[in-house]
Amino acid sequence: MPEQRKRRRSRSASKLPAHELDEAQRLEAERIAFIAKQAEERAAERRAKDSKTSFLQSKHVTTGERKLPMKIEEASVVPDTSNSMPKFRSKAQREKDALARLEKKQQEVKHLIFSIIS
């Protein structure tokens, strides 16, 4: 009985007859289903595009030596690696390098914290 009272109150509160309220709820459910379907299609397209670009990037071969960080003593003797370094790097490669630098800094911070604690 309490559920029926709630239903009656909600219908009277919306000022719609019962059959129109059911129709409105059905239309709202269809709209939500349509939006969810569109979102899923967009996500599938994005995943397909991402997998295609990652496949193409995995085929990309970079040539040249990696530039290693130098110590202060070695700074006076700098080898000329300007010709061997690739001039253009892909966005994914730049992000990968930035992530590696960030992880290295995090490791350094962890070591500093542990050395301070101990």
PDB file of N, CA and C in Angstrom:
ATOM      1  N   MET A   1       0.805  -1.209   0.000  1.00  0.00           N
ATOM      2  CA  MET A   1       0.000   0.000   0.000  1.00  0.00           C
ATOM      3  C   MET A   1       0.848   1.274   0.000  1.00  0.00           C
ATOM      4  N   PRO A   2       1.919   1.355   0.794  1.00  0.00           N
ATOM      5  CA  PRO A   2       2.686   2.616   0.794  1.00  0.00           C
ATOM      6  C   PRO A   2       3.265   2.939  -0.581  1.00  0.00           C
ATOM      7  N   GLU A   3       3.653   1.901  -1.365  1.00  0.00           N
ATOM      8  CA  GLU A   3       4.211   2.178  -2.688  1.00  0.00           C
ATOM      9  C   GLU A   3       3.176   2.813  -3.599  1.00  0.00           C
ATOM     10  N   GLN A   4       1.925   2.348  -3.486  1.00  0.00           N
ATOM     11  CA  GLN A   4       0.870   2.925  -4.321  1.00  0.00           C
ATOM     12  C   GLN A   4       0.626   4.377  -3.940  1.00  0.00           C
ATOM     13  N   ARG A   5       0.677   4.685  -2.654  1.00  0.00           N
ATOM     14  CA  ARG A   5       0.481   6.074  -2.228  1.00  0.00           C
ATOM     15  C   ARG A   5       1.582   6.958  -2.804  1.00  0.00           C
ATOM     16  N   LYS A   6       2.824   6.485  -2.752  1.00  0.00           N
ATOM     17  CA  LYS A   6       3.927   7.267  -3.309  1.00  0.00           C
ATOM     18  C   LYS A   6       3.720   7.493  -4.799  1.00  0.00           C
ATOM     19  N   ARG A   7       3.309   6.452  -5.500  1.00  0.00           N
ATOM     20  CA  ARG A   7       3.090   6.576  -6.935  1.00  0.00           C
ATOM     21  C   ARG A   7       1.994   7.599  -7.210  1.00  0.00           C
ATOM     22  N   ARG A   8       0.906   7.524  -6.454  1.00  0.00           N
ATOM     23  CA  ARG A   8      -0.189   8.473  -6.664  1.00  0.00           C
ATOM     24  C   ARG A   8       0.278   9.891  -6.394  1.00  0.00           C
ATOM     25  N   ARG A   9       1.059  10.083  -5.334  1.00  0.00           N
ATOM     26  CA  ARG A   9       1.537  11.428  -5.024  1.00  0.00           C
ATOM     27  C   ARG A   9       2.439  11.952  -6.143  1.00  0.00           C
ATOM     28  N   SER A  10       3.321  11.096  -6.645  1.00  0.00           N
ATOM     29  CA  SER A  10       4.237  11.563  -7.686  1.00  0.00           C
ATOM     30  C   SER A  10       3.480  11.901  -8.964  1.00  0.00           C
ATOM     31  N   ARG A  11       2.459  11.137  -9.287  1.00  0.00           N
ATOM     32  CA  ARG A  11       1.676  11.451 -10.480  1.00  0.00           C
ATOM     33  C   ARG A  11       0.910  12.747 -10.298  1.00  0.00           C
ATOM     34  N   SER A  12       0.333  12.934  -9.122  1.00  0.00           N
ATOM     35  CA  SER A  12      -0.421  14.164  -8.910  1.00  0.00           C
ATOM     36  C   SER A  12       0.535  15.351  -8.844  1.00  0.00           C
ATOM     37  N   ALA A  13       1.743  15.123  -8.342  1.00  0.00           N
ATOM     38  CA  ALA A  13       2.707  16.208  -8.250  1.00  0.00           C
ATOM     39  C   ALA A  13       3.154  16.649  -9.638  1.00  0.00           C
ATOM     40  N   SER A  14       3.214  15.720 -10.581  1.00  0.00           N
ATOM     41  CA  SER A  14       3.648  16.085 -11.924  1.00  0.00           C
ATOM     42  C   SER A  14       2.513  16.647 -12.767  1.00  0.00           C
ATOM     43  N   LYS A  15       1.280  16.572 -12.274  1.00  0.00           N
ATOM     44  CA  LYS A  15       0.097  17.121 -12.959  1.00  0.00           C
ATOM     45  C   LYS A  15      -0.153  16.447 -14.304  1.00  0.00           C
ATOM     46  N   LEU A  16       0.327  15.221 -14.473  1.00  0.00           N
ATOM     47  CA  LEU A  16       0.088  14.473 -15.704  1.00  0.00           C
ATOM     48  C   LEU A  16      -0.797  13.273 -15.402  1.00  0.00           C
ATOM     49  N   PRO A  17      -1.687  12.928 -16.325  1.00  0.00           N
ATOM     50  CA  PRO A  17      -2.446  11.685 -16.142  1.00  0.00           C
ATOM     51  C   PRO A  17      -1.503  10.479 -16.191  1.00  0.00           C
ATOM     52  N   ALA A  18      -1.961   9.365 -15.670  1.00  0.00           N
ATOM     53  CA  ALA A  18      -1.118   8.178 -15.539  1.00  0.00           C
ATOM     54  C   ALA A  18      -0.554   7.718 -16.878  1.00  0.00           C
ATOM     55  N   HIS A  19      -1.368   7.666 -17.935  1.00  0.00           N
ATOM     56  CA  HIS A  19      -0.863   7.163 -19.218  1.00  0.00           C
ATOM     57  C   HIS A  19       0.153   8.123 -19.837  1.00  0.00           C
ATOM     58  N   GLU A  20      -0.014   9.442 -19.615  1.00  0.00           N
ATOM     59  CA  GLU A  20       0.973  10.399 -20.142  1.00  0.00           C
ATOM     60  C   GLU A  20       2.279  10.327 -19.356  1.00  0.00           C
ATOM     61  N   LEU A  21       2.178  10.096 -18.051  1.00  0.00           N
ATOM     62  CA  LEU A  21       3.387   9.972 -17.242  1.00  0.00           C
ATOM     63  C   LEU A  21       4.181   8.737 -17.668  1.00  0.00           C
ATOM     64  N   ASP A  22       3.494   7.619 -17.894  1.00  0.00           N
ATOM     65  CA  ASP A  22       4.173   6.411 -18.359  1.00  0.00           C
ATOM     66  C   ASP A  22       4.841   6.650 -19.712  1.00  0.00           C
ATOM     67  N   GLU A  23       4.162   7.381 -20.600  1.00  0.00           N
ATOM     68  CA  GLU A  23       4.728   7.709 -21.913  1.00  0.00           C
ATOM     69  C   GLU A  23       5.975   8.580 -21.753  1.00  0.00           C
ATOM     70  N   ALA A  24       5.902   9.559 -20.846  1.00  0.00           N
ATOM     71  CA  ALA A  24       7.052  10.435 -20.614  1.00  0.00           C
ATOM     72  C   ALA A  24       8.230   9.637 -20.057  1.00  0.00           C
ATOM     73  N   GLN A  25       7.957   8.721 -19.148  1.00  0.00           N
ATOM     74  CA  GLN A  25       9.036   7.893 -18.596  1.00  0.00           C
ATOM     75  C   GLN A  25       9.639   7.002 -19.675  1.00  0.00           C
ATOM     76  N   ARG A  26       8.811   6.466 -20.551  1.00  0.00           N
ATOM     77  CA  ARG A  26       9.296   5.612 -21.635  1.00  0.00           C
ATOM     78  C   ARG A  26      10.185   6.421 -22.580  1.00  0.00           C
ATOM     79  N   LEU A  27       9.733   7.640 -22.926  1.00  0.00           N
ATOM     80  CA  LEU A  27      10.529   8.492 -23.812  1.00  0.00           C
ATOM     81  C   LEU A  27      11.860   8.865 -23.163  1.00  0.00           C
ATOM     82  N   GLU A  28      11.825   9.149 -21.864  1.00  0.00           N
ATOM     83  CA  GLU A  28      13.058   9.484 -21.153  1.00  0.00           C
ATOM     84  C   GLU A  28      14.015   8.288 -21.149  1.00  0.00           C
ATOM     85  N   ALA A  29      13.480   7.092 -20.943  1.00  0.00           N
ATOM     86  CA  ALA A  29      14.314   5.889 -20.954  1.00  0.00           C
ATOM     87  C   ALA A  29      14.914   5.656 -22.337  1.00  0.00           C
ATOM     88  N   GLU A  30      14.126   5.896 -23.392  1.00  0.00           N
ATOM     89  CA  GLU A  30      14.649   5.752 -24.757  1.00  0.00           C
ATOM     90  C   GLU A  30      15.754   6.766 -25.028  1.00  0.00           C
ATOM     91  N   ARG A  31      15.559   7.998 -24.536  1.00  0.00           N
ATOM     92  CA  ARG A  31      16.566   9.047 -24.734  1.00  0.00           C
ATOM     93  C   ARG A  31      17.873   8.664 -24.036  1.00  0.00           C
ATOM     94  N   ILE A  32      17.758   8.172 -22.817  1.00  0.00           N
ATOM     95  CA  ILE A  32      18.950   7.772 -22.068  1.00  0.00           C
ATOM     96  C   ILE A  32      19.652   6.606 -22.766  1.00  0.00           C
ATOM     97  N   ALA A  33      18.876   5.647 -23.269  1.00  0.00           N
ATOM     98  CA  ALA A  33      19.466   4.506 -23.977  1.00  0.00           C
ATOM     99  C   ALA A  33      20.177   4.968 -25.250  1.00  0.00           C
ATOM    100  N   PHE A  34      19.577   5.930 -25.960  1.00  0.00           N
ATOM    101  CA  PHE A  34      20.183   6.453 -27.182  1.00  0.00           C
ATOM    102  C   PHE A  34      21.505   7.156 -26.873  1.00  0.00           C
ATOM    103  N   ILE A  35      21.509   7.968 -25.814  1.00  0.00           N
ATOM    104  CA  ILE A  35      22.734   8.681 -25.426  1.00  0.00           C
ATOM    105  C   ILE A  35      23.820   7.682 -25.027  1.00  0.00           C
ATOM    106  N   ALA A  36      23.439   6.650 -24.285  1.00  0.00           N
ATOM    107  CA  ALA A  36      24.417   5.635 -23.876  1.00  0.00           C
ATOM    108  C   ALA A  36      24.978   4.900 -25.089  1.00  0.00           C
ATOM    109  N   LYS A  37      24.109   4.616 -26.070  1.00  0.00           N
ATOM    110  CA  LYS A  37      24.561   3.931 -27.280  1.00  0.00           C
ATOM    111  C   LYS A  37      25.553   4.803 -28.051  1.00  0.00           C
ATOM    112  N   GLN A  38      25.246   6.105 -28.162  1.00  0.00           N
ATOM    113  CA  GLN A  38      26.161   7.020 -28.852  1.00  0.00           C
ATOM    114  C   GLN A  38      27.504   7.085 -28.135  1.00  0.00           C
ATOM    115  N   ALA A  39      27.460   7.165 -26.806  1.00  0.00           N
ATOM    116  CA  ALA A  39      28.701   7.241 -26.039  1.00  0.00           C
ATOM    117  C   ALA A  39      29.538   5.976 -26.236  1.00  0.00           C
ATOM    118  N   GLU A  40      28.890   4.826 -26.263  1.00  0.00           N
ATOM    119  CA  GLU A  40      29.606   3.565 -26.473  1.00  0.00           C
ATOM    120  C   GLU A  40      30.221   3.508 -27.870  1.00  0.00           C
ATOM    121  N   GLU A  41      29.486   4.005 -28.876  1.00  0.00           N
ATOM    122  CA  GLU A  41      30.026   4.020 -30.239  1.00  0.00           C
ATOM    123  C   GLU A  41      31.247   4.926 -30.324  1.00  0.00           C
ATOM    124  N   ARG A  42      31.159   6.113 -29.686  1.00  0.00           N
ATOM    125  CA  ARG A  42      32.299   7.032 -29.696  1.00  0.00           C
ATOM    126  C   ARG A  42      33.497   6.412 -28.988  1.00  0.00           C
ATOM    127  N   ALA A  43      33.245   5.728 -27.873  1.00  0.00           N
ATOM    128  CA  ALA A  43      34.339   5.088 -27.141  1.00  0.00           C
ATOM    129  C   ALA A  43      34.976   3.986 -27.985  1.00  0.00           C
ATOM    130  N   ALA A  44      34.151   3.224 -28.707  1.00  0.00           N
ATOM    131  CA  ALA A  44      34.683   2.161 -29.565  1.00  0.00           C
ATOM    132  C   ALA A  44      35.533   2.757 -30.687  1.00  0.00           C
ATOM    133  N   GLU A  45      35.058   3.860 -31.276  1.00  0.00           N
ATOM    134  CA  GLU A  45      35.845   4.520 -32.321  1.00  0.00           C
ATOM    135  C   GLU A  45      37.171   5.020 -31.762  1.00  0.00           C
ATOM    136  N   ARG A  46      37.129   5.597 -30.562  1.00  0.00           N
ATOM    137  CA  ARG A  46      38.341   6.124 -29.943  1.00  0.00           C
ATOM    138  C   ARG A  46      39.322   4.994 -29.654  1.00  0.00           C
ATOM    139  N   ARG A  47      38.797   3.857 -29.145  1.00  0.00           N
ATOM    140  CA  ARG A  47      39.681   2.716 -28.874  1.00  0.00           C
ATOM    141  C   ARG A  47      40.305   2.192 -30.158  1.00  0.00           C
ATOM    142  N   ALA A  48      39.510   2.131 -31.232  1.00  0.00           N
ATOM    143  CA  ALA A  48      40.039   1.649 -32.512  1.00  0.00           C
ATOM    144  C   ALA A  48      41.121   2.592 -33.022  1.00  0.00           C
ATOM    145  N   LYS A  49      40.878   3.891 -32.897  1.00  0.00           N
ATOM    146  CA  LYS A  49      41.858   4.878 -33.350  1.00  0.00           C
ATOM    147  C   LYS A  49      43.129   4.777 -32.509  1.00  0.00           C
ATOM    148  N   ASP A  50      42.975   4.651 -31.179  1.00  0.00           N
ATOM    149  CA  ASP A  50      44.136   4.545 -30.301  1.00  0.00           C
ATOM    150  C   ASP A  50      44.948   3.292 -30.601  1.00  0.00           C
ATOM    151  N   SER A  51      44.269   2.169 -30.835  1.00  0.00           N
ATOM    152  CA  SER A  51      45.010   0.940 -31.111  1.00  0.00           C
ATOM    153  C   SER A  51      45.721   1.037 -32.457  1.00  0.00           C
ATOM    154  N   LYS A  52      45.087   1.714 -33.422  1.00  0.00           N
ATOM    155  CA  LYS A  52      45.724   1.879 -34.730  1.00  0.00           C
ATOM    156  C   LYS A  52      46.962   2.754 -34.605  1.00  0.00           C
ATOM    157  N   THR A  53      46.856   3.875 -33.876  1.00  0.00           N
ATOM    158  CA  THR A  53      48.012   4.754 -33.745  1.00  0.00           C
ATOM    159  C   THR A  53      49.113   4.091 -32.930  1.00  0.00           C
ATOM    160  N   SER A  54      48.746   3.328 -31.897  1.00  0.00           N
ATOM    161  CA  SER A  54      49.795   2.674 -31.117  1.00  0.00           C
ATOM    162  C   SER A  54      50.500   1.610 -31.962  1.00  0.00           C
ATOM    163  N   PHE A  55      49.752   0.937 -32.843  1.00  0.00           N
ATOM    164  CA  PHE A  55      50.366  -0.042 -33.733  1.00  0.00           C
ATOM    165  C   PHE A  55      51.337   0.656 -34.677  1.00  0.00           C
ATOM    166  N   LEU A  56      50.906   1.793 -35.233  1.00  0.00           N
ATOM    167  CA  LEU A  56      51.782   2.520 -36.142  1.00  0.00           C
ATOM    168  C   LEU A  56      53.009   3.042 -35.411  1.00  0.00           C
ATOM    169  N   GLN A  57      52.835   3.500 -34.168  1.00  0.00           N
ATOM    170  CA  GLN A  57      53.972   4.006 -33.415  1.00  0.00           C
ATOM    171  C   GLN A  57      54.914   2.878 -33.030  1.00  0.00           C
ATOM    172  N   SER A  58      54.389   1.681 -32.823  1.00  0.00           N
ATOM    173  CA  SER A  58      55.272   0.571 -32.487  1.00  0.00           C
ATOM    174  C   SER A  58      56.131   0.196 -33.692  1.00  0.00           C
ATOM    175  N   LYS A  59      55.642   0.480 -34.898  1.00  0.00           N
ATOM    176  CA  LYS A  59      56.418   0.213 -36.105  1.00  0.00           C
ATOM    177  C   LYS A  59      57.519   1.261 -36.300  1.00  0.00           C
ATOM    178  N   HIS A  60      57.326   2.453 -35.693  1.00  0.00           N
ATOM    179  CA  HIS A  60      58.276   3.543 -35.876  1.00  0.00           C
ATOM    180  C   HIS A  60      59.590   3.206 -35.171  1.00  0.00           C
ATOM    181  N   VAL A  61      60.664   3.289 -35.905  1.00  0.00           N
ATOM    182  CA  VAL A  61      61.970   2.977 -35.337  1.00  0.00           C
ATOM    183  C   VAL A  61      62.775   4.263 -35.273  1.00  0.00           C
ATOM    184  N   THR A  62      63.230   4.607 -34.086  1.00  0.00           N
ATOM    185  CA  THR A  62      64.056   5.805 -33.956  1.00  0.00           C
ATOM    186  C   THR A  62      65.511   5.393 -34.072  1.00  0.00           C
ATOM    187  N   THR A  63      66.271   6.219 -34.744  1.00  0.00           N
ATOM    188  CA  THR A  63      67.699   5.940 -34.879  1.00  0.00           C
ATOM    189  C   THR A  63      68.467   6.974 -34.082  1.00  0.00           C
ATOM    190  N   GLY A  64      69.680   6.678 -33.785  1.00  0.00           N
ATOM    191  CA  GLY A  64      70.518   7.627 -33.066  1.00  0.00           C
ATOM    192  C   GLY A  64      70.745   7.185 -31.633  1.00  0.00           C
ATOM    193  N   GLU A  65      71.740   7.808 -31.033  1.00  0.00           N
ATOM    194  CA  GLU A  65      72.087   7.465 -29.662  1.00  0.00           C
ATOM    195  C   GLU A  65      71.239   8.282 -28.705  1.00  0.00           C
ATOM    196  N   ARG A  66      70.991   7.712 -27.562  1.00  0.00           N
ATOM    197  CA  ARG A  66      70.260   8.461 -26.534  1.00  0.00           C
ATOM    198  C   ARG A  66      71.234   9.404 -25.852  1.00  0.00           C
ATOM    199  N   LYS A  67      70.747  10.573 -25.563  1.00  0.00           N
ATOM    200  CA  LYS A  67      71.589  11.544 -24.881  1.00  0.00           C
ATOM    201  C   LYS A  67      71.526  11.249 -23.385  1.00  0.00           C
ATOM    202  N   LEU A  68      72.662  10.922 -22.807  1.00  0.00           N
ATOM    203  CA  LEU A  68      72.698  10.574 -21.396  1.00  0.00           C
ATOM    204  C   LEU A  68      72.992  11.816 -20.565  1.00  0.00           C
ATOM    205  N   PRO A  69      72.441  11.901 -19.357  1.00  0.00           N
ATOM    206  CA  PRO A  69      72.767  13.046 -18.506  1.00  0.00           C
ATOM    207  C   PRO A  69      74.242  12.995 -18.114  1.00  0.00           C
ATOM    208  N   MET A  70      74.872  14.144 -18.127  1.00  0.00           N
ATOM    209  CA  MET A  70      76.306  14.193 -17.857  1.00  0.00           C
ATOM    210  C   MET A  70      76.570  14.718 -16.458  1.00  0.00           C
ATOM    211  N   LYS A  71      77.648  14.258 -15.890  1.00  0.00           N
ATOM    212  CA  LYS A  71      78.080  14.785 -14.607  1.00  0.00           C
ATOM    213  C   LYS A  71      78.837  16.087 -14.865  1.00  0.00           C
ATOM    214  N   ILE A  72      79.080  16.836 -13.807  1.00  0.00           N
ATOM    215  CA  ILE A  72      79.732  18.139 -13.962  1.00  0.00           C
ATOM    216  C   ILE A  72      81.136  17.981 -14.533  1.00  0.00           C
ATOM    217  N   GLU A  73      81.850  16.929 -14.135  1.00  0.00           N
ATOM    218  CA  GLU A  73      83.218  16.737 -14.626  1.00  0.00           C
ATOM    219  C   GLU A  73      83.232  16.452 -16.128  1.00  0.00           C
ATOM    220  N   GLU A  74      82.198  15.786 -16.625  1.00  0.00           N
ATOM    221  CA  GLU A  74      82.156  15.418 -18.034  1.00  0.00           C
ATOM    222  C   GLU A  74      81.626  16.544 -18.910  1.00  0.00           C
ATOM    223  N   ALA A  75      81.164  17.616 -18.311  1.00  0.00           N
ATOM    224  CA  ALA A  75      80.526  18.678 -19.086  1.00  0.00           C
ATOM    225  C   ALA A  75      81.509  19.369 -20.022  1.00  0.00           C
ATOM    226  N   SER A  76      82.787  19.373 -19.684  1.00  0.00           N
ATOM    227  CA  SER A  76      83.757  20.041 -20.546  1.00  0.00           C
ATOM    228  C   SER A  76      84.001  19.251 -21.828  1.00  0.00           C
ATOM    229  N   VAL A  77      83.854  17.936 -21.782  1.00  0.00           N
ATOM    230  CA  VAL A  77      84.064  17.104 -22.955  1.00  0.00           C
ATOM    231  C   VAL A  77      82.695  16.627 -23.438  1.00  0.00           C
ATOM    232  N   VAL A  78      82.098  17.393 -24.350  1.00  0.00           N
ATOM    233  CA  VAL A  78      80.757  17.072 -24.832  1.00  0.00           C
ATOM    234  C   VAL A  78      80.870  16.480 -26.224  1.00  0.00           C
ATOM    235  N   PRO A  79      80.461  15.233 -26.408  1.00  0.00           N
ATOM    236  CA  PRO A  79      80.498  14.668 -27.754  1.00  0.00           C
ATOM    237  C   PRO A  79      79.420  15.312 -28.624  1.00  0.00           C
ATOM    238  N   ASP A  80      79.716  15.444 -29.913  1.00  0.00           N
ATOM    239  CA  ASP A  80      78.758  16.054 -30.828  1.00  0.00           C
ATOM    240  C   ASP A  80      77.777  14.976 -31.283  1.00  0.00           C
ATOM    241  N   THR A  81      76.584  15.015 -30.722  1.00  0.00           N
ATOM    242  CA  THR A  81      75.565  14.027 -31.089  1.00  0.00           C
ATOM    243  C   THR A  81      74.399  14.686 -31.806  1.00  0.00           C
ATOM    244  N   SER A  82      74.590  15.917 -32.264  1.00  0.00           N
ATOM    245  CA  SER A  82      73.471  16.652 -32.867  1.00  0.00           C
ATOM    246  C   SER A  82      72.974  15.977 -34.145  1.00  0.00           C
ATOM    247  N   ASN A  83      73.870  15.352 -34.917  1.00  0.00           N
ATOM    248  CA  ASN A  83      73.437  14.712 -36.159  1.00  0.00           C
ATOM    249  C   ASN A  83      72.785  13.354 -35.915  1.00  0.00           C
ATOM    250  N   SER A  84      73.178  12.689 -34.835  1.00  0.00           N
ATOM    251  CA  SER A  84      72.644  11.357 -34.602  1.00  0.00           C
ATOM    252  C   SER A  84      71.305  11.380 -33.864  1.00  0.00           C
ATOM    253  N   MET A  85      70.967  12.509 -33.249  1.00  0.00           N
ATOM    254  CA  MET A  85      69.693  12.582 -32.521  1.00  0.00           C
ATOM    255  C   MET A  85      68.555  12.823 -33.510  1.00  0.00           C
ATOM    256  N   PRO A  86      67.428  12.155 -33.338  1.00  0.00           N
ATOM    257  CA  PRO A  86      66.287  12.429 -34.219  1.00  0.00           C
ATOM    258  C   PRO A  86      65.753  13.838 -33.958  1.00  0.00           C
ATOM    259  N   LYS A  87      65.445  14.545 -35.026  1.00  0.00           N
ATOM    260  CA  LYS A  87      64.996  15.928 -34.869  1.00  0.00           C
ATOM    261  C   LYS A  87      63.542  15.994 -34.431  1.00  0.00           C
ATOM    262  N   PHE A  88      62.707  15.120 -34.949  1.00  0.00           N
ATOM    263  CA  PHE A  88      61.284  15.152 -34.627  1.00  0.00           C
ATOM    264  C   PHE A  88      60.909  13.869 -33.902  1.00  0.00           C
ATOM    265  N   ARG A  89      60.293  14.048 -32.743  1.00  0.00           N
ATOM    266  CA  ARG A  89      59.827  12.894 -31.982  1.00  0.00           C
ATOM    267  C   ARG A  89      58.312  12.952 -31.915  1.00  0.00           C
ATOM    268  N   SER A  90      57.696  11.806 -31.920  1.00  0.00           N
ATOM    269  CA  SER A  90      56.240  11.760 -31.873  1.00  0.00           C
ATOM    270  C   SER A  90      55.751  12.209 -30.500  1.00  0.00           C
ATOM    271  N   LYS A  91      54.485  12.587 -30.451  1.00  0.00           N
ATOM    272  CA  LYS A  91      53.889  13.020 -29.189  1.00  0.00           C
ATOM    273  C   LYS A  91      53.962  11.898 -28.162  1.00  0.00           C
ATOM    274  N   ALA A  92      53.709  10.681 -28.597  1.00  0.00           N
ATOM    275  CA  ALA A  92      53.751   9.540 -27.679  1.00  0.00           C
ATOM    276  C   ALA A  92      55.158   9.360 -27.114  1.00  0.00           C
ATOM    277  N   GLN A  93      56.171   9.549 -27.955  1.00  0.00           N
ATOM    278  CA  GLN A  93      57.553   9.403 -27.490  1.00  0.00           C
ATOM    279  C   GLN A  93      57.897  10.495 -26.481  1.00  0.00           C
ATOM    280  N   ARG A  94      57.451  11.732 -26.759  1.00  0.00           N
ATOM    281  CA  ARG A  94      57.708  12.824 -25.813  1.00  0.00           C
ATOM    282  C   ARG A  94      57.028  12.542 -24.478  1.00  0.00           C
ATOM    283  N   GLU A  95      55.774  12.061 -24.528  1.00  0.00           N
ATOM    284  CA  GLU A  95      55.060  11.741 -23.291  1.00  0.00           C
ATOM    285  C   GLU A  95      55.751  10.606 -22.542  1.00  0.00           C
ATOM    286  N   LYS A  96      56.236   9.621 -23.282  1.00  0.00           N
ATOM    287  CA  LYS A  96      56.927   8.488 -22.660  1.00  0.00           C
ATOM    288  C   LYS A  96      58.208   8.966 -21.972  1.00  0.00           C
ATOM    289  N   ASP A  97      58.963   9.844 -22.647  1.00  0.00           N
ATOM    290  CA  ASP A  97      60.186  10.381 -22.057  1.00  0.00           C
ATOM    291  C   ASP A  97      59.878  11.216 -20.821  1.00  0.00           C
ATOM    292  N   ALA A  98      58.823  12.030 -20.898  1.00  0.00           N
ATOM    293  CA  ALA A  98      58.444  12.863 -19.755  1.00  0.00           C
ATOM    294  C   ALA A  98      58.035  11.992 -18.577  1.00  0.00           C
ATOM    295  N   LEU A  99      57.319  10.917 -18.853  1.00  0.00           N
ATOM    296  CA  LEU A  99      56.907   9.999 -17.794  1.00  0.00           C
ATOM    297  C   LEU A  99      58.127   9.330 -17.163  1.00  0.00           C
ATOM    298  N   ALA A 100      59.094   8.961 -17.978  1.00  0.00           N
ATOM    299  CA  ALA A 100      60.317   8.341 -17.451  1.00  0.00           C
ATOM    300  C   ALA A 100      61.073   9.323 -16.557  1.00  0.00           C
ATOM    301  N   ARG A 101      61.158  10.592 -16.997  1.00  0.00           N
ATOM    302  CA  ARG A 101      61.828  11.605 -16.170  1.00  0.00           C
ATOM    303  C   ARG A 101      61.095  11.798 -14.847  1.00  0.00           C
ATOM    304  N   LEU A 102      59.769  11.831 -14.901  1.00  0.00           N
ATOM    305  CA  LEU A 102      58.969  12.007 -13.694  1.00  0.00           C
ATOM    306  C   LEU A 102      59.173  10.845 -12.728  1.00  0.00           C
ATOM    307  N   GLU A 103      59.173   9.622 -13.255  1.00  0.00           N
ATOM    308  CA  GLU A 103      59.381   8.457 -12.397  1.00  0.00           C
ATOM    309  C   GLU A 103      60.777   8.486 -11.769  1.00  0.00           C
ATOM    310  N   LYS A 104      61.769   8.935 -12.536  1.00  0.00           N
ATOM    311  CA  LYS A 104      63.129   9.019 -12.008  1.00  0.00           C
ATOM    312  C   LYS A 104      63.189  10.030 -10.866  1.00  0.00           C
ATOM    313  N   LYS A 105      62.532  11.177 -11.048  1.00  0.00           N
ATOM    314  CA  LYS A 105      62.508  12.188  -9.989  1.00  0.00           C
ATOM    315  C   LYS A 105      61.789  11.661  -8.755  1.00  0.00           C
ATOM    316  N   GLN A 106      60.698  10.908  -8.962  1.00  0.00           N
ATOM    317  CA  GLN A 106      59.974  10.339  -7.823  1.00  0.00           C
ATOM    318  C   GLN A 106      60.864   9.371  -7.053  1.00  0.00           C
ATOM    319  N   GLN A 107      61.649   8.580  -7.770  1.00  0.00           N
ATOM    320  CA  GLN A 107      62.567   7.654  -7.106  1.00  0.00           C
ATOM    321  C   GLN A 107      63.608   8.424  -6.293  1.00  0.00           C
ATOM    322  N   GLU A 108      64.132   9.525  -6.870  1.00  0.00           N
ATOM    323  CA  GLU A 108      65.106  10.335  -6.152  1.00  0.00           C
ATOM    324  C   GLU A 108      64.500  10.906  -4.879  1.00  0.00           C
ATOM    325  N   VAL A 109      63.258  11.382  -4.971  1.00  0.00           N
ATOM    326  CA  VAL A 109      62.584  11.946  -3.798  1.00  0.00           C
ATOM    327  C   VAL A 109      62.385  10.869  -2.740  1.00  0.00           C
ATOM    328  N   LYS A 110      61.990   9.664  -3.159  1.00  0.00           N
ATOM    329  CA  LYS A 110      61.804   8.569  -2.201  1.00  0.00           C
ATOM    330  C   LYS A 110      63.115   8.256  -1.488  1.00  0.00           C
ATOM    331  N   HIS A 111      64.221   8.216  -2.248  1.00  0.00           N
ATOM    332  CA  HIS A 111      65.515   7.922  -1.637  1.00  0.00           C
ATOM    333  C   HIS A 111      65.902   9.013  -0.648  1.00  0.00           C
ATOM    334  N   LEU A 112      65.638  10.271  -1.003  1.00  0.00           N
ATOM    335  CA  LEU A 112      65.940  11.372  -0.087  1.00  0.00           C
ATOM    336  C   LEU A 112      65.115  11.259   1.190  1.00  0.00           C
ATOM    337  N   ILE A 113      63.840  10.954   1.040  1.00  0.00           N
ATOM    338  CA  ILE A 113      62.972  10.832   2.216  1.00  0.00           C
ATOM    339  C   ILE A 113      63.453   9.701   3.115  1.00  0.00           C
ATOM    340  N   PHE A 114      63.784   8.553   2.516  1.00  0.00           N
ATOM    341  CA  PHE A 114      64.257   7.427   3.319  1.00  0.00           C
ATOM    342  C   PHE A 114      65.593   7.743   3.980  1.00  0.00           C
ATOM    343  N   SER A 115      66.457   8.488   3.291  1.00  0.00           N
ATOM    344  CA  SER A 115      67.741   8.828   3.903  1.00  0.00           C
ATOM    345  C   SER A 115      67.547   9.812   5.051  1.00  0.00           C
ATOM    346  N   ILE A 116      66.570  10.697   4.939  1.00  0.00           N
ATOM    347  CA  ILE A 116      66.291  11.643   6.027  1.00  0.00           C
ATOM    348  C   ILE A 116      65.690  10.910   7.221  1.00  0.00           C
ATOM    349  N   ILE A 117      64.782   9.979   6.949  1.00  0.00           N
ATOM    350  CA  ILE A 117      64.125   9.240   8.028  1.00  0.00           C
ATOM    351  C   ILE A 117      65.122   8.376   8.786  1.00  0.00           C
ATOM    352  N   SER A 118      66.011   7.713   8.076  1.00  0.00           N
ATOM    353  CA  SER A 118      66.944   6.794   8.750  1.00  0.00           C
ATOM    354  C   SER A 118      68.172   7.485   9.286  1.00  0.00           C
TER     355      SER A 118
END
